[in-house]
Amino acid sequence: MTAPADSAIVLVGPMGAGKTSIGKRVAKVLEVGFIDTDAAVVRTHGAIFDIFALHGEARFRELERDAVAHALAQGGVVSLGGGSVLDPDTRADLRAHRVALLTVSPAIVAGRIGGGHRPLLSDKGEDPVARWHRILEERMPLYTEVADATFDTSHGPLSDVVDQIVAWARTSAPKGQP
């Protein structure tokens, strides 16, 4: 069963922070639906890498915005792609939802971002971790702008982070409610 949109729990943060893995587990514990907006784009439009290659980042961001708007309307737990917060309409929409920022240290993320399926990290002239760090520095002000709480995923078992987010979700009222 999916929770009403006004009680959505949204996970934001950089690539490799664990938004999808953690989001699935949080949704399971809370017994609500889960939507990963990147996965939604892929289901409808094909691989993100291919969208970037064939149509450019601007077109991907349009598709991403549509996926985010749809996911937020569904409620439950929503995992946003790392760049979703670049869109001002998305940031405005997030004001109505509980938003958790997931962070991860650069030392830890190196093992999580491999595989070459992240178009923004595929520049052959730059180290992927260095590029990840530059992207993080650019986006961090936007992440903190929309976040209600922050959870670090760098250390400890994933279940500890899930437990922390679940506890926060159960005790934090949706925005606009007492």
Protein backbone atom coordinates (compact mmCIF):
# COMPACT_ATOMS: atom_id res chain seq x y z
CA MET A 1 0.00 0.00 0.00
CA THR A 2 1.32 3.44 -0.88
CA ALA A 3 1.23 6.29 1.61
CA PRO A 4 -0.45 9.53 0.60
CA ALA A 5 1.82 12.01 -1.14
CA ASP A 6 1.83 14.38 1.82
CA SER A 7 3.72 11.77 3.82
CA ALA A 8 6.37 10.95 1.21
CA ILE A 9 9.88 10.31 2.43
CA VAL A 10 12.36 11.45 -0.18
CA LEU A 11 16.02 10.45 -0.31
CA VAL A 12 18.45 12.85 -1.97
CA GLY A 13 22.21 12.90 -2.18
CA PRO A 14 25.20 12.26 -4.38
CA MET A 15 25.84 9.30 -6.65
CA GLY A 16 26.90 6.29 -4.64
CA ALA A 17 25.34 7.37 -1.34
CA GLY A 18 23.02 4.34 -1.31
CA LYS A 19 19.70 6.03 -2.01
CA THR A 20 18.25 3.06 -3.88
CA SER A 21 19.50 0.30 -1.57
CA ILE A 22 18.50 2.17 1.57
CA GLY A 23 15.24 3.44 0.08
CA LYS A 24 14.05 -0.09 -0.75
CA ARG A 25 14.74 -1.25 2.78
CA VAL A 26 13.14 1.80 4.42
CA ALA A 27 10.01 1.29 2.30
CA LYS A 28 9.86 -2.37 3.26
CA VAL A 29 10.12 -1.63 6.99
CA LEU A 30 7.52 1.16 6.76
CA GLU A 31 5.31 -1.01 4.51
CA VAL A 32 4.95 1.66 1.84
CA GLY A 33 5.74 1.80 -1.84
CA PHE A 34 9.17 2.61 -3.23
CA ILE A 35 10.04 4.50 -6.39
CA ASP A 36 13.53 5.13 -7.74
CA THR A 37 13.24 7.97 -10.24
CA ASP A 38 16.32 6.89 -12.21
CA ALA A 39 14.83 3.40 -12.57
CA ALA A 40 11.53 4.97 -13.68
CA VAL A 41 13.33 6.90 -16.42
CA VAL A 42 15.14 3.75 -17.54
CA ARG A 43 11.91 1.71 -17.67
CA THR A 44 10.24 4.27 -19.89
CA HIS A 45 13.07 5.72 -21.96
CA GLY A 46 16.03 3.34 -21.87
CA ALA A 47 19.46 3.47 -20.28
CA ILE A 48 20.50 6.81 -18.78
CA PHE A 49 23.92 6.54 -20.40
CA ASP A 50 22.22 6.18 -23.80
CA ILE A 51 19.88 9.12 -23.15
CA PHE A 52 22.89 11.31 -22.36
CA ALA A 53 24.77 10.07 -25.42
CA LEU A 54 21.89 10.40 -27.89
CA HIS A 55 19.91 13.36 -26.55
CA GLY A 56 22.14 15.17 -24.04
CA GLU A 57 21.89 16.00 -20.40
CA ALA A 58 19.15 18.62 -20.90
CA ARG A 59 16.77 16.01 -22.34
CA PHE A 60 17.61 13.61 -19.53
CA ARG A 61 16.82 16.32 -16.96
CA GLU A 62 13.39 16.85 -18.59
CA LEU A 63 12.63 13.14 -18.38
CA GLU A 64 13.94 13.06 -14.83
CA ARG A 65 11.71 15.99 -13.82
CA ASP A 66 8.65 14.16 -15.12
CA ALA A 67 9.63 11.00 -13.24
CA VAL A 68 10.17 12.98 -10.02
CA ALA A 69 6.80 14.74 -10.25
CA HIS A 70 5.05 11.42 -10.82
CA ALA A 71 6.91 9.69 -7.98
CA LEU A 72 6.22 12.45 -5.48
CA ALA A 73 2.52 12.26 -6.33
CA GLN A 74 2.58 8.54 -5.46
CA GLY A 75 4.02 9.03 -1.96
CA GLY A 76 5.83 6.30 -0.04
CA VAL A 77 9.62 6.34 -0.22
CA VAL A 78 11.13 8.08 -3.24
CA SER A 79 14.79 7.91 -4.22
CA LEU A 80 15.84 10.81 -6.43
CA GLY A 81 18.72 10.76 -8.86
CA GLY A 82 21.69 12.79 -7.67
CA GLY A 83 21.02 15.67 -10.06
CA SER A 84 17.27 15.93 -9.50
CA VAL A 85 17.76 18.84 -7.10
CA LEU A 86 19.18 20.94 -9.94
CA ASP A 87 15.61 21.59 -11.11
CA PRO A 88 13.99 24.53 -9.27
CA ASP A 89 10.52 23.00 -9.68
CA THR A 90 11.70 19.81 -8.02
CA ARG A 91 13.19 21.79 -5.14
CA ALA A 92 9.88 23.65 -4.75
CA ASP A 93 7.94 20.35 -4.80
CA LEU A 94 10.19 18.90 -2.10
CA ARG A 95 9.02 21.56 0.36
CA ALA A 96 5.85 19.50 0.82
CA HIS A 97 7.74 16.29 1.67
CA ARG A 98 10.11 14.94 4.29
CA VAL A 99 13.57 14.88 2.74
CA ALA A 100 16.55 12.88 3.98
CA LEU A 101 20.00 13.71 2.64
CA LEU A 102 22.28 10.69 2.38
CA THR A 103 25.98 11.49 2.44
CA VAL A 104 29.07 9.38 1.82
CA SER A 105 32.75 10.17 2.12
CA PRO A 106 34.92 10.35 -1.02
CA ALA A 107 37.13 7.55 0.33
CA ILE A 108 34.17 5.18 0.57
CA VAL A 109 32.38 6.21 -2.62
CA ALA A 110 35.29 5.10 -4.82
CA GLY A 111 34.19 1.48 -4.45
CA ARG A 112 30.55 2.31 -5.12
CA ILE A 113 30.72 4.34 -8.32
CA GLY A 114 32.60 1.94 -10.57
CA GLY A 115 31.16 0.16 -13.56
CA GLY A 116 31.02 3.02 -16.05
CA HIS A 117 27.23 3.38 -16.07
CA ARG A 118 27.23 6.93 -14.68
CA PRO A 119 27.47 9.34 -17.62
CA LEU A 120 28.61 12.31 -15.55
CA LEU A 121 31.60 10.30 -14.31
CA SER A 122 32.62 8.82 -17.65
CA ASP A 123 34.86 11.69 -18.79
CA LYS A 124 37.98 9.78 -19.73
CA GLY A 125 40.21 12.75 -18.95
CA GLU A 126 39.31 12.99 -15.26
CA ASP A 127 39.46 10.60 -12.34
CA PRO A 128 35.86 9.51 -11.53
CA VAL A 129 36.27 10.18 -7.80
CA ALA A 130 37.67 13.66 -8.46
CA ARG A 131 34.75 14.35 -10.82
CA TRP A 132 32.31 12.96 -8.22
CA HIS A 133 33.79 15.31 -5.62
CA ARG A 134 33.44 18.34 -7.92
CA ILE A 135 29.81 17.45 -8.65
CA LEU A 136 29.16 17.01 -4.93
CA GLU A 137 30.63 20.42 -4.14
CA GLU A 138 28.38 22.01 -6.79
CA ARG A 139 25.23 20.26 -5.55
CA MET A 140 25.74 20.21 -1.77
CA PRO A 141 24.12 23.64 -1.24
CA LEU A 142 21.00 22.36 -3.04
CA TYR A 143 20.97 19.12 -1.05
CA THR A 144 21.17 20.99 2.23
CA GLU A 145 18.53 23.47 1.05
CA VAL A 146 15.94 20.72 0.60
CA ALA A 147 16.97 18.34 3.41
CA ASP A 148 15.20 18.00 6.74
CA ALA A 149 17.71 15.48 8.11
CA THR A 150 21.10 14.08 7.10
CA PHE A 151 22.33 10.50 7.38
CA ASP A 152 25.88 9.39 6.59
CA THR A 153 26.20 6.05 4.78
CA SER A 154 29.99 5.82 4.88
CA HIS A 155 30.41 3.41 7.78
CA GLY A 156 28.61 0.69 9.64
CA PRO A 157 26.04 -1.76 8.45
CA LEU A 158 23.40 -0.55 6.01
CA SER A 159 20.77 -1.74 8.46
CA ASP A 160 21.90 0.91 10.97
CA VAL A 161 21.25 3.71 8.47
CA VAL A 162 17.90 2.15 7.56
CA ASP A 163 16.95 2.01 11.26
CA GLN A 164 17.94 5.66 11.74
CA ILE A 165 15.87 6.81 8.77
CA VAL A 166 12.88 4.72 9.83
CA ALA A 167 13.03 6.18 13.35
CA TRP A 168 13.26 9.70 11.91
CA ALA A 169 10.38 9.04 9.50
CA ARG A 170 8.16 7.72 12.28
CA THR A 171 8.78 10.74 14.50
CA SER A 172 8.83 13.55 11.94
CA ALA A 173 5.51 14.93 10.82
CA PRO A 174 5.00 15.64 7.14
CA LYS A 175 5.62 19.27 6.32
CA GLY A 176 2.64 21.47 6.96
CA GLN A 177 1.27 19.13 9.65
CA PRO A 178 1.74 19.43 13.42
